[in-house]
Amino acid sequence: PPHPFTPYIKIIYALNLKTVYTICKWCEQKHSKTYAIENTQCVNKKDRLRPHFQNCLSFKAAVSKDEYEKLMRITESSKLKSKTSSSSFKSKKINSQNIVQQPMQPYLAQEYSLVDISHFEKLVLNATIENGWSFNWVEKESSIAMLKFKNPNLATHDIVGVSLAFDGWKNILKQNILRTVLITSSDEVLIWSVQDISAELDRTTNVISKIEVFLENLKTQQIKVVVGEIFKENVHFNSTIKKVIKLTNYFNNANHFYFIGKLRDEQKMIYKRYIALIHSGDTRWNSFYEAFSCLLCSKASLISLVAKYTSPEDNRLALPNYICETISDSNWWNIISELYTLLAPICLCLNQLQTNTAYLYEVLQSFSYLYKLMDKHSDITFGAKMTEHLEQCWREWEQPLLILSYLLHPNIHLSQFNLPINGITFAEIGIWISYYYCAWFGNPPKKIMAELQDYRDEIFPFTINNWNQFEGDLLKY
């Protein structure tokens, strides 16, 4: 329906009967249609159009001051009227609620059966234990008032009384409580028997938990940094990734549904399928790699789209200039292809480390692979900066533990170590092993050095044939 702004706008297209997009006539006359589409495109609704005409210099210059002020006054008064009406309605609603507070007793009060009371006590007891509340919270006046309001017929004297008794001993260090007894107000006894199995726990479980914490820190805090540093250490990479972010954001913005639909049409015609352009630079560490992959897969459809909508004919819409320039830049596509190739092996390593079955030795293996990859990069300056970042990560890690995890893997053994050149002796390795044994188990080792020598000489059970029987299961071995 027409509104006060109707004479000053021009309809460009309709999404449906209710959603019609318009542009400012005066901006189109003063600048161009492309400018008006990019800066003034708006849904044909009075409240959506008013902010533009209120600040539009082209509109102010084209109409008289009286006409401008009258238009603003008309649209503003209707807006205030709507607000006043809404405010008045809310005020009446609040006042009507505050007139009388009706009691809930006629509607909610009911007599509890013995089964209901028992069930209610168990619910309160479970809530008390799970939330860590004090067992006498039900005796507080505020708690009684709340429960009485819910059901005035509920007995408030010792609603859920609970007594605690301990039978056994308490380990102050580990806070172990044996045979905890809960006695409810109905004299029901609940015995929670807890068996002390600390002496029977497999020590490997404790070691695994410590290693998992260390491994998680490496995965989340250190190795992922490599992906982000790639874009910082090369000017061309940095410029390219900014354009990638702008491009993917444009084709993921619902306001640009017209060209999103046209791109899908091009993809359907060329590839017989649709390819979504994934957002780049969000919280996922591999989002850039996925974005590069989607762009390269959609290259032909993007170029075809630009060819059709760079210079609009017959009053058709046109793509923004920065989108056209980016897609038409062959050098930009070459750098994307280079980044995709560079990130592929890095993402392969990180994918492996992200799994729940990742081991410490795989961290060192991936680190070594990435270091060689960057050290042999064609851009010597870029490669030197990236290896410097990797070395910084290495200095922050717990190096002896990583080296031990690699050295003590039965499939690797000593085959990939050149101990004299690297300056690492078996005496130093023995010191590291003794240190971690004491740190993890709290006791000095008795014969671990002898076992290390047997491992070095591949004496049973540290033979390759014995290892092969476990079919690669490191934990069972």
Protein backbone atom coordinates (compact mmCIF):
# COMPACT_ATOMS: atom_id res chain seq x y z
CA PRO A 1 0.00 0.00 0.00
CA PRO A 2 1.15 3.59 -0.62
CA HIS A 3 2.75 5.60 2.18
CA PRO A 4 4.26 9.11 2.48
CA PHE A 5 7.58 7.99 0.93
CA THR A 6 6.01 6.35 -2.15
CA PRO A 7 6.57 9.34 -4.54
CA TYR A 8 10.29 9.43 -3.70
CA ILE A 9 11.22 5.78 -4.28
CA LYS A 10 11.61 3.45 -7.25
CA ILE A 11 10.77 -0.27 -7.14
CA ILE A 12 13.55 -2.48 -8.56
CA TYR A 13 12.22 -5.98 -7.91
CA ALA A 14 9.77 -7.93 -5.74
CA LEU A 15 10.73 -11.04 -3.81
CA ASN A 16 7.05 -11.82 -3.21
CA LEU A 17 3.76 -9.93 -2.77
CA LYS A 18 4.78 -8.59 0.64
CA THR A 19 8.51 -8.07 0.20
CA VAL A 20 9.36 -5.40 -2.38
CA TYR A 21 12.81 -3.81 -2.70
CA THR A 22 13.18 -0.14 -3.61
CA ILE A 23 15.86 2.52 -4.13
CA CYS A 24 15.93 6.30 -3.64
CA LYS A 25 14.95 8.20 -6.83
CA TRP A 26 17.08 11.21 -5.98
CA CYS A 27 20.23 9.17 -5.30
CA GLU A 28 19.77 7.42 -8.65
CA GLN A 29 19.37 10.76 -10.48
CA LYS A 30 22.34 12.41 -8.78
CA HIS A 31 24.75 9.44 -8.88
CA SER A 32 23.78 6.24 -10.72
CA LYS A 33 21.54 3.23 -10.41
CA THR A 34 24.44 1.07 -9.24
CA TYR A 35 25.26 3.57 -6.50
CA ALA A 36 21.61 3.69 -5.42
CA ILE A 37 21.37 -0.12 -5.28
CA GLU A 38 24.53 -0.49 -3.20
CA ASN A 39 23.73 2.34 -0.75
CA THR A 40 19.95 2.84 -0.62
CA GLN A 41 18.38 -0.55 -1.38
CA CYS A 42 15.67 -1.17 1.20
CA VAL A 43 12.38 -3.00 1.78
CA ASN A 44 9.34 -0.90 0.84
CA LYS A 45 8.23 -0.15 4.38
CA LYS A 46 7.77 3.30 5.89
CA ASP A 47 9.74 2.68 9.07
CA ARG A 48 12.64 1.16 7.09
CA LEU A 49 12.76 4.03 4.56
CA ARG A 50 12.52 6.92 7.02
CA PRO A 51 16.17 6.75 8.33
CA HIS A 52 17.50 7.08 4.77
CA PHE A 53 15.35 10.07 3.78
CA GLN A 54 16.01 11.73 7.11
CA ASN A 55 19.75 11.88 6.27
CA CYS A 56 19.74 11.82 2.44
CA LEU A 57 21.47 14.96 1.09
CA SER A 58 20.18 14.32 -2.45
CA PHE A 59 16.59 14.21 -1.18
CA LYS A 60 17.01 17.36 0.93
CA ALA A 61 18.42 19.25 -2.05
CA ALA A 62 15.58 18.16 -4.35
CA VAL A 63 12.57 19.07 -2.17
CA SER A 64 11.62 22.21 -0.31
CA LYS A 65 12.31 22.63 3.37
CA ASP A 66 8.58 22.73 4.20
CA GLU A 67 7.95 19.51 2.28
CA TYR A 68 10.86 17.78 4.02
CA GLU A 69 9.75 18.89 7.50
CA LYS A 70 6.13 17.93 6.81
CA LEU A 71 7.17 14.46 5.63
CA MET A 72 9.35 13.89 8.70
CA ARG A 73 6.58 15.17 10.98
CA ILE A 74 3.95 12.90 9.46
CA THR A 75 6.06 9.77 9.69
CA GLU A 76 7.36 10.63 13.15
CA SER A 77 3.91 11.32 14.62
CA SER A 78 2.59 7.95 13.48
CA LYS A 79 5.63 6.28 14.98
CA LEU A 80 5.18 8.04 18.31
CA LYS A 81 1.49 7.23 18.26
CA SER A 82 2.31 3.57 17.87
CA LYS A 83 4.80 3.74 20.73
CA THR A 84 2.33 5.63 22.95
CA SER A 85 -0.41 3.11 22.25
CA SER A 86 1.93 0.22 23.01
CA SER A 87 3.14 1.90 26.20
CA SER A 88 -0.42 2.58 27.32
CA PHE A 89 -1.37 -1.04 26.72
CA LYS A 90 1.60 -2.29 28.72
CA SER A 91 0.80 0.14 31.56
CA LYS A 92 -2.80 -1.05 31.74
CA LYS A 93 -1.64 -4.65 31.70
CA ILE A 94 0.79 -4.06 34.58
CA ASN A 95 -1.81 -2.16 36.62
CA SER A 96 -4.37 -4.90 36.11
CA GLN A 97 -1.87 -7.45 37.38
CA ASN A 98 -1.11 -5.42 40.50
CA ILE A 99 -4.74 -4.93 41.54
CA VAL A 100 -5.15 -8.26 43.36
CA GLN A 101 -2.72 -11.13 43.85
CA GLN A 102 -4.97 -14.17 43.87
CA PRO A 103 -3.84 -17.11 46.03
CA MET A 104 -2.90 -20.33 44.26
CA GLN A 105 -4.54 -22.52 46.90
CA PRO A 106 -7.90 -22.99 45.11
CA TYR A 107 -6.11 -24.24 42.03
CA LEU A 108 -3.00 -26.10 43.18
CA ALA A 109 -3.54 -27.29 46.74
CA GLN A 110 -4.05 -31.01 47.15
CA GLU A 111 -3.52 -33.64 49.76
CA TYR A 112 -0.38 -35.73 49.30
CA SER A 113 -0.59 -39.47 49.63
CA LEU A 114 2.14 -41.45 51.38
CA VAL A 115 3.51 -42.48 47.99
CA ASP A 116 3.55 -38.85 46.84
CA ILE A 117 5.36 -37.72 49.99
CA SER A 118 7.98 -40.46 49.63
CA HIS A 119 8.52 -39.56 45.97
CA PHE A 120 8.73 -35.84 46.80
CA GLU A 121 11.33 -36.48 49.53
CA LYS A 122 13.49 -38.45 47.12
CA LEU A 123 13.29 -35.65 44.55
CA VAL A 124 14.35 -33.06 47.13
CA LEU A 125 17.13 -35.33 48.39
CA ASN A 126 18.47 -35.90 44.87
CA ALA A 127 18.37 -32.17 44.13
CA THR A 128 20.14 -31.41 47.43
CA ILE A 129 22.97 -33.87 46.73
CA GLU A 130 23.46 -33.05 43.04
CA ASN A 131 23.53 -29.28 43.65
CA GLY A 132 25.72 -29.49 46.74
CA TRP A 133 23.18 -27.73 49.00
CA SER A 134 23.24 -27.86 52.79
CA PHE A 135 21.07 -30.66 54.16
CA ASN A 136 19.19 -28.22 56.40
CA TRP A 137 18.14 -25.87 53.59
CA VAL A 138 14.54 -27.09 53.92
CA GLU A 139 14.44 -25.77 57.49
CA LYS A 140 15.08 -22.17 56.42
CA GLU A 141 12.11 -19.80 56.54
CA SER A 142 12.53 -18.78 52.90
CA SER A 143 12.45 -22.43 51.78
CA ILE A 144 9.35 -23.16 53.85
CA ALA A 145 7.61 -20.07 52.46
CA MET A 146 8.37 -21.19 48.90
CA LEU A 147 7.04 -24.71 49.49
CA LYS A 148 3.97 -23.45 51.36
CA PHE A 149 3.14 -21.15 48.46
CA LYS A 150 3.38 -24.11 46.11
CA ASN A 151 1.14 -26.28 48.28
CA PRO A 152 -0.18 -24.96 51.62
CA ASN A 153 -1.25 -28.46 52.65
CA LEU A 154 2.31 -29.73 52.56
CA ALA A 155 3.66 -30.49 56.03
CA THR A 156 6.47 -28.07 56.84
CA HIS A 157 7.85 -29.68 59.98
CA ASP A 158 11.13 -31.36 58.99
CA ILE A 159 9.99 -31.77 55.37
CA VAL A 160 12.99 -33.82 54.33
CA GLY A 161 15.17 -34.51 57.31
CA VAL A 162 18.47 -36.17 56.50
CA SER A 163 21.08 -37.58 58.86
CA LEU A 164 24.61 -38.45 57.81
CA ALA A 165 26.75 -41.21 59.28
CA PHE A 166 30.19 -42.43 58.25
CA ASP A 167 31.36 -45.97 58.84
CA GLY A 168 35.00 -46.51 57.98
CA TRP A 169 37.87 -44.13 57.41
CA LYS A 170 38.47 -40.96 55.47
CA ASN A 171 41.60 -40.39 53.41
CA ILE A 172 42.28 -36.68 53.89
CA LEU A 173 44.47 -36.50 50.80
CA LYS A 174 42.03 -38.11 48.36
CA GLN A 175 38.78 -37.33 50.22
CA ASN A 176 37.58 -40.94 50.08
CA ILE A 177 34.54 -41.64 52.32
CA LEU A 178 33.61 -45.29 52.89
CA ARG A 179 30.05 -46.49 53.56
CA THR A 180 28.15 -43.19 53.61
CA VAL A 181 24.74 -43.63 55.30
CA LEU A 182 21.78 -41.30 54.61
CA ILE A 183 18.76 -41.55 56.95
CA THR A 184 15.59 -39.76 55.78
CA SER A 185 12.76 -38.35 57.93
CA SER A 186 10.74 -41.52 57.35
CA ASP A 187 13.62 -43.58 58.84
CA GLU A 188 14.50 -44.93 55.42
CA VAL A 189 18.19 -45.84 55.35
CA LEU A 190 20.17 -45.29 52.16
CA ILE A 191 23.67 -46.80 52.28
CA TRP A 192 26.18 -45.71 49.69
CA SER A 193 28.93 -48.29 49.90
CA VAL A 194 32.18 -47.07 48.37
CA GLN A 195 34.97 -49.56 47.93
CA ASP A 196 38.56 -48.34 48.20
CA ILE A 197 40.25 -49.57 45.01
CA SER A 198 43.08 -47.03 44.91
CA ALA A 199 45.64 -49.73 45.60
CA GLU A 200 44.33 -51.84 42.73
CA LEU A 201 44.23 -49.13 40.08
CA ASP A 202 46.36 -49.81 37.07
CA ARG A 203 49.17 -47.27 37.06
CA THR A 204 48.85 -46.96 33.31
CA THR A 205 45.49 -45.24 33.80
CA ASN A 206 47.10 -42.46 35.83
CA VAL A 207 49.85 -42.03 33.25
CA ILE A 208 47.33 -41.90 30.40
CA SER A 209 45.33 -39.13 32.10
CA LYS A 210 48.46 -37.00 32.56
CA ILE A 211 49.54 -37.55 28.97
CA GLU A 212 46.05 -36.70 27.68
CA VAL A 213 46.17 -33.32 29.45
CA PHE A 214 49.60 -32.60 27.98
CA LEU A 215 48.52 -33.72 24.51
CA GLU A 216 45.36 -31.60 24.62
CA ASN A 217 47.45 -28.54 25.44
CA LEU A 218 49.68 -29.19 22.43
CA LYS A 219 46.71 -29.62 20.12
CA THR A 220 44.74 -26.58 21.25
CA GLN A 221 47.42 -24.05 22.14
CA GLN A 222 50.55 -24.69 20.09
CA ILE A 223 50.36 -26.59 16.81
CA LYS A 224 47.27 -24.74 15.56
CA VAL A 225 49.24 -21.49 15.76
CA VAL A 226 51.13 -22.55 12.63
CA VAL A 227 48.05 -22.04 10.42
CA GLY A 228 47.48 -18.49 11.64
CA GLU A 229 51.14 -17.49 11.32
CA ILE A 230 51.21 -18.42 7.62
CA PHE A 231 49.01 -15.45 6.74
CA LYS A 232 51.01 -13.02 8.88
CA GLU A 233 54.46 -13.73 7.49
CA ASN A 234 53.75 -13.08 3.80
CA VAL A 235 52.35 -9.81 2.43
CA HIS A 236 50.70 -11.48 -0.58
CA PHE A 237 49.14 -14.18 1.59
CA ASN A 238 47.80 -11.56 4.00
CA SER A 239 46.26 -9.47 1.19
CA THR A 240 44.74 -12.55 -0.44
CA ILE A 241 43.11 -13.83 2.73
CA LYS A 242 41.44 -10.46 3.36
CA LYS A 243 39.84 -10.61 -0.08
CA VAL A 244 38.78 -14.21 0.55
CA ILE A 245 37.01 -13.15 3.75
CA LYS A 246 35.18 -10.32 1.95
CA LEU A 247 34.14 -12.59 -0.91
CA THR A 248 32.84 -15.45 1.24
CA ASN A 249 31.05 -13.03 3.56
CA TYR A 250 29.30 -11.42 0.57
CA PHE A 251 27.96 -14.74 -0.74
CA ASN A 252 26.86 -15.80 2.76
CA ASN A 253 24.95 -12.59 3.51
CA ALA A 254 21.18 -13.05 3.18
CA ASN A 255 20.84 -9.47 1.91
CA HIS A 256 22.59 -10.55 -1.30
CA PHE A 257 20.16 -13.37 -2.02
CA TYR A 258 19.76 -12.27 -5.65
CA PHE A 259 23.39 -12.96 -6.59
CA ILE A 260 23.57 -15.99 -4.28
CA GLY A 261 20.76 -17.47 -6.36
CA LYS A 262 22.48 -16.53 -9.62
CA LEU A 263 25.70 -18.19 -8.44
CA ARG A 264 23.78 -21.37 -7.62
CA ASP A 265 22.28 -21.29 -11.12
CA GLU A 266 25.77 -21.05 -12.64
CA GLN A 267 27.00 -23.94 -10.47
CA LYS A 268 24.04 -26.10 -11.44
CA MET A 269 24.63 -25.39 -15.12
CA ILE A 270 28.41 -26.01 -15.02
CA TYR A 271 28.89 -28.67 -12.31
CA LYS A 272 25.38 -30.20 -12.09
CA ARG A 273 25.51 -29.57 -8.33
CA TYR A 274 25.63 -26.77 -5.76
CA ILE A 275 28.78 -25.72 -3.87
CA ALA A 276 28.43 -23.55 -0.75
CA LEU A 277 31.17 -20.98 -0.16
CA ILE A 278 32.26 -21.65 3.42
CA HIS A 279 32.95 -18.78 5.78
CA SER A 280 36.67 -18.23 6.30
CA GLY A 281 38.39 -17.01 9.43
CA ASP A 282 35.86 -18.19 12.01
CA THR A 283 36.70 -20.18 15.14
CA ARG A 284 37.42 -23.44 13.31
CA TRP A 285 41.14 -23.86 12.68
CA ASN A 286 40.61 -25.46 9.24
CA SER A 287 38.07 -22.90 7.96
CA PHE A 288 40.60 -21.24 5.61
CA TYR A 289 41.52 -24.57 4.05
CA GLU A 290 37.84 -25.42 3.49
CA ALA A 291 37.18 -21.92 2.10
CA PHE A 292 40.05 -22.26 -0.41
CA SER A 293 38.77 -25.66 -1.48
CA CYS A 294 35.23 -24.35 -2.12
CA LEU A 295 36.50 -21.31 -4.02
CA LEU A 296 38.70 -23.40 -6.29
CA CYS A 297 35.82 -25.80 -6.94
CA SER A 298 33.55 -22.83 -7.80
CA LYS A 299 36.10 -20.89 -9.87
CA ALA A 300 34.42 -21.37 -13.26
CA SER A 301 30.95 -20.45 -11.94
CA LEU A 302 32.28 -17.31 -10.20
CA ILE A 303 34.08 -16.12 -13.33
CA SER A 304 30.95 -16.77 -15.41
CA LEU A 305 28.83 -14.82 -12.91
CA VAL A 306 31.18 -11.82 -13.06
CA ALA A 307 31.15 -11.86 -16.87
CA LYS A 308 27.36 -11.53 -16.88
CA TYR A 309 26.92 -8.95 -14.12
CA THR A 310 29.93 -6.64 -14.34
CA SER A 311 28.36 -4.29 -16.92
CA PRO A 312 24.60 -4.51 -16.39
CA GLU A 313 22.25 -4.23 -19.34
CA ASP A 314 18.49 -3.75 -19.46
CA ASN A 315 18.56 -2.24 -15.95
CA ARG A 316 19.82 -5.47 -14.40
CA LEU A 317 21.61 -5.45 -11.05
CA ALA A 318 25.41 -5.40 -11.00
CA LEU A 319 27.92 -7.03 -8.68
CA PRO A 320 30.01 -4.66 -6.50
CA ASN A 321 33.27 -3.56 -8.09
CA TYR A 322 35.49 -5.13 -5.42
CA ILE A 323 33.85 -8.53 -6.01
CA CYS A 324 34.35 -8.29 -9.77
CA GLU A 325 37.97 -7.15 -9.44
CA THR A 326 38.81 -9.94 -6.99
CA ILE A 327 37.29 -12.75 -9.07
CA SER A 328 38.86 -11.41 -12.29
CA ASP A 329 42.36 -11.28 -10.77
CA SER A 330 44.29 -14.33 -12.02
CA ASN A 331 47.13 -13.67 -9.56
CA TRP A 332 44.63 -13.90 -6.70
CA TRP A 333 43.54 -17.34 -7.88
CA ASN A 334 47.19 -18.45 -8.16
CA ILE A 335 47.89 -17.45 -4.55
CA ILE A 336 44.75 -19.27 -3.36
CA SER A 337 45.94 -22.40 -5.14
CA GLU A 338 49.37 -22.01 -3.51
CA LEU A 339 47.84 -21.56 -0.05
CA TYR A 340 45.59 -24.56 -0.57
CA THR A 341 48.60 -26.70 -1.48
CA LEU A 342 50.55 -25.36 1.52
CA LEU A 343 47.75 -25.95 4.03
CA ALA A 344 46.87 -29.46 2.80
CA PRO A 345 49.71 -31.32 4.62
CA ILE A 346 49.35 -29.10 7.70
CA CYS A 347 45.64 -29.89 7.94
CA LEU A 348 46.42 -33.57 7.44
CA CYS A 349 48.67 -33.49 10.51
CA LEU A 350 46.17 -31.52 12.57
CA ASN A 351 43.33 -33.85 11.56
CA GLN A 352 45.34 -36.75 12.94
CA LEU A 353 46.14 -34.94 16.17
CA GLN A 354 42.48 -33.91 16.65
CA THR A 355 41.32 -37.51 16.96
CA ASN A 356 40.76 -39.17 20.33
CA THR A 357 43.28 -41.87 19.40
CA ALA A 358 46.23 -39.47 18.91
CA TYR A 359 49.50 -40.40 20.65
CA LEU A 360 52.40 -38.29 21.84
CA TYR A 361 54.83 -39.72 19.32
CA GLU A 362 52.53 -38.47 16.53
CA VAL A 363 53.01 -34.91 17.80
CA LEU A 364 56.76 -35.13 17.28
CA GLN A 365 56.26 -36.89 13.95
CA SER A 366 53.94 -34.13 12.70
CA PHE A 367 56.21 -31.41 14.04
CA SER A 368 59.20 -32.87 12.20
CA TYR A 369 57.20 -33.09 8.97
CA LEU A 370 55.99 -29.47 9.22
CA TYR A 371 59.50 -28.23 10.01
CA LYS A 372 60.94 -29.89 6.91
CA LEU A 373 58.04 -28.56 4.82
CA MET A 374 58.69 -24.96 5.89
CA ASP A 375 62.47 -25.26 5.80
CA LYS A 376 62.36 -26.30 2.12
CA HIS A 377 59.78 -23.70 1.03
CA SER A 378 60.56 -21.89 -2.23
CA ASP A 379 60.25 -18.50 -0.49
CA ILE A 380 63.37 -18.57 1.69
CA THR A 381 62.35 -15.57 3.82
CA PHE A 382 58.87 -16.95 4.47
CA GLY A 383 60.28 -20.41 5.24
CA ALA A 384 62.78 -18.95 7.73
CA LYS A 385 60.06 -17.06 9.59
CA MET A 386 57.81 -20.12 9.79
CA THR A 387 60.61 -22.37 11.08
CA GLU A 388 61.30 -19.69 13.68
CA HIS A 389 57.69 -19.95 14.86
CA LEU A 390 57.95 -23.74 15.01
CA GLU A 391 61.15 -23.49 17.03
CA GLN A 392 59.38 -21.15 19.43
CA CYS A 393 56.65 -23.78 19.90
CA TRP A 394 59.31 -26.44 20.47
CA ARG A 395 60.95 -24.36 23.21
CA GLU A 396 57.60 -24.09 25.02
CA TRP A 397 56.87 -27.81 24.90
CA GLU A 398 58.00 -30.49 27.31
CA GLN A 399 60.70 -31.77 24.95
CA PRO A 400 62.00 -34.82 26.93
CA LEU A 401 58.51 -36.33 27.12
CA LEU A 402 57.99 -35.98 23.36
CA ILE A 403 61.40 -37.48 22.59
CA LEU A 404 60.78 -40.39 24.97
CA SER A 405 57.37 -41.07 23.40
CA TYR A 406 59.07 -41.33 20.01
CA LEU A 407 62.10 -43.29 21.17
CA LEU A 408 60.08 -45.82 23.17
CA HIS A 409 57.63 -46.61 20.39
CA PRO A 410 58.32 -50.28 19.56
CA ASN A 411 57.90 -49.72 15.82
CA ILE A 412 60.35 -46.80 15.73
CA HIS A 413 62.84 -47.84 18.39
CA LEU A 414 66.28 -46.41 17.47
CA SER A 415 65.85 -46.49 13.70
CA GLN A 416 65.23 -42.74 13.35
CA PHE A 417 67.64 -41.50 16.01
CA ASN A 418 71.26 -40.54 15.53
CA LEU A 419 72.14 -40.14 19.20
CA PRO A 420 75.82 -39.08 18.93
CA ILE A 421 75.04 -36.30 16.43
CA ASN A 422 72.04 -35.00 18.37
CA GLY A 423 74.01 -35.00 21.61
CA ILE A 424 71.53 -37.28 23.41
CA THR A 425 72.99 -40.22 25.31
CA PHE A 426 71.25 -43.18 26.88
CA ALA A 427 72.41 -41.93 30.27
CA GLU A 428 70.37 -38.75 29.75
CA ILE A 429 67.42 -40.79 28.51
CA GLY A 430 67.64 -42.88 31.69
CA ILE A 431 67.54 -39.69 33.79
CA TRP A 432 64.38 -38.54 31.99
CA ILE A 433 62.67 -41.91 32.43
CA SER A 434 63.54 -42.02 36.14
CA TYR A 435 62.25 -38.47 36.60
CA TYR A 436 58.86 -39.17 34.98
CA TYR A 437 58.50 -42.45 36.88
CA CYS A 438 58.98 -40.66 40.21
CA ALA A 439 56.73 -37.76 39.18
CA TRP A 440 53.88 -40.03 38.11
CA PHE A 441 54.03 -42.90 40.60
CA GLY A 442 55.54 -41.17 43.63
CA ASN A 443 58.10 -43.95 44.21
CA PRO A 444 61.69 -44.37 43.00
CA PRO A 445 62.13 -47.00 40.25
CA LYS A 446 63.70 -50.35 41.16
CA LYS A 447 64.89 -51.80 37.85
CA ILE A 448 63.74 -49.43 35.13
CA MET A 449 67.32 -48.80 33.93
CA ALA A 450 67.82 -52.53 33.38
CA GLU A 451 64.55 -52.66 31.40
CA LEU A 452 65.74 -49.70 29.31
CA GLN A 453 68.92 -51.61 28.44
CA ASP A 454 66.84 -54.68 27.47
CA TYR A 455 64.72 -52.42 25.26
CA ARG A 456 67.85 -51.02 23.62
CA ASP A 457 69.19 -54.53 22.93
CA GLU A 458 65.71 -55.78 21.85
CA ILE A 459 65.62 -58.53 24.45
CA PHE A 460 62.26 -60.21 25.19
CA PRO A 461 59.63 -58.90 25.77
CA PHE A 462 60.92 -55.89 23.79
CA THR A 463 61.27 -57.71 20.49
CA ILE A 464 59.65 -56.74 17.21
CA ASN A 465 57.98 -60.17 16.95
CA ASN A 466 56.37 -59.68 20.34
CA TRP A 467 55.17 -56.21 19.32
CA ASN A 468 53.63 -57.49 16.07
CA GLN A 469 51.38 -59.85 18.04
CA PHE A 470 49.51 -56.83 19.44
CA GLU A 471 48.57 -55.67 15.91
CA GLY A 472 49.55 -52.06 16.53
CA ASP A 473 47.63 -51.60 19.81
CA LEU A 474 50.11 -49.53 21.80
CA LEU A 475 48.13 -49.51 25.05
CA LYS A 476 47.79 -53.30 25.18
CA TYR A 477 51.50 -53.66 24.47
